Amino acid sequence: MAVIPEIPGITSPLLSVLSTNAAVSGTALVITAIIQTAQHKLSLYHAIFIIHMLYFLGVALSPVGK
């Protein structure tokens, strides 16, 4: 992931799209994990992998400061 500075009017639209994309991907990942768990098809390895992916999606959305 690249570090993108927040410059009002220039990079704000890009940052908005990137954060929306991360939120949609994280939601899809959680829904898929819930369905796979209900079907008893999610292994421990894959559950841990999903937790790590969701953590990094959350870190990407956390505010860094100005």
Protein backbone atom coordinates (compact mmCIF):
# COMPACT_ATOMS: atom_id res chain seq x y z
CA MET A 1 0.00 0.00 0.00
CA ALA A 2 1.30 3.42 -0.89
CA VAL A 3 1.21 6.36 1.47
CA ILE A 4 -0.98 9.06 -0.05
CA PRO A 5 -0.96 12.53 1.49
CA GLU A 6 -4.32 14.15 2.16
CA ILE A 7 -4.42 17.30 0.04
CA PRO A 8 -7.89 18.88 -0.02
CA GLY A 9 -9.33 18.95 -3.52
CA ILE A 10 -6.54 16.91 -5.08
CA THR A 11 -6.23 13.56 -3.30
CA SER A 12 -9.42 13.66 -1.23
CA PRO A 13 -11.53 11.91 -3.91
CA LEU A 14 -8.90 9.18 -4.28
CA LEU A 15 -8.70 8.59 -0.53
CA SER A 16 -12.49 8.45 -0.36
CA VAL A 17 -12.65 5.78 -3.06
CA LEU A 18 -9.85 3.76 -1.46
CA SER A 19 -11.51 3.77 1.97
CA THR A 20 -14.87 2.81 0.44
CA ASN A 21 -13.21 -0.04 -1.45
CA ALA A 22 -11.55 -1.32 1.74
CA ALA A 23 -14.87 -1.18 3.59
CA VAL A 24 -16.71 -3.09 0.85
CA SER A 25 -13.94 -5.71 0.64
CA GLY A 26 -13.93 -6.15 4.42
CA THR A 27 -17.70 -6.53 4.54
CA ALA A 28 -17.63 -9.11 1.74
CA LEU A 29 -14.87 -10.99 3.54
CA VAL A 30 -16.84 -11.09 6.81
CA ILE A 31 -20.01 -12.28 5.06
CA THR A 32 -18.08 -15.01 3.25
CA ALA A 33 -16.44 -16.13 6.51
CA ILE A 34 -19.82 -16.31 8.28
CA ILE A 35 -21.32 -18.39 5.47
CA GLN A 36 -18.32 -20.72 5.35
CA THR A 37 -18.44 -21.14 9.13
CA ALA A 38 -22.16 -21.98 9.03
CA GLN A 39 -21.42 -24.64 6.39
CA HIS A 40 -18.53 -26.04 8.50
CA LYS A 41 -16.08 -25.44 5.64
CA LEU A 42 -13.80 -22.85 7.25
CA SER A 43 -10.55 -24.26 8.61
CA LEU A 44 -8.64 -22.72 11.50
CA TYR A 45 -5.87 -21.67 9.10
CA HIS A 46 -8.30 -19.77 6.89
CA ALA A 47 -10.06 -18.20 9.89
CA ILE A 48 -6.74 -16.83 11.17
CA PHE A 49 -5.89 -15.62 7.66
CA ILE A 50 -9.23 -13.78 7.45
CA ILE A 51 -8.68 -12.16 10.85
CA HIS A 52 -5.30 -10.85 9.69
CA MET A 53 -6.75 -9.54 6.43
CA LEU A 54 -9.53 -7.72 8.30
CA TYR A 55 -6.98 -6.24 10.70
CA PHE A 56 -4.95 -4.80 7.82
CA LEU A 57 -8.09 -3.45 6.14
CA GLY A 58 -8.97 -1.75 9.43
CA VAL A 59 -5.47 -0.30 9.77
CA ALA A 60 -5.79 1.13 6.27
CA LEU A 61 -8.94 2.95 7.35
CA SER A 62 -7.64 4.32 10.62
CA PRO A 63 -6.89 8.06 10.72
CA VAL A 64 -3.21 8.92 10.64
CA GLY A 65 -3.29 12.55 11.64
CA LYS A 66 -2.80 15.83 9.83
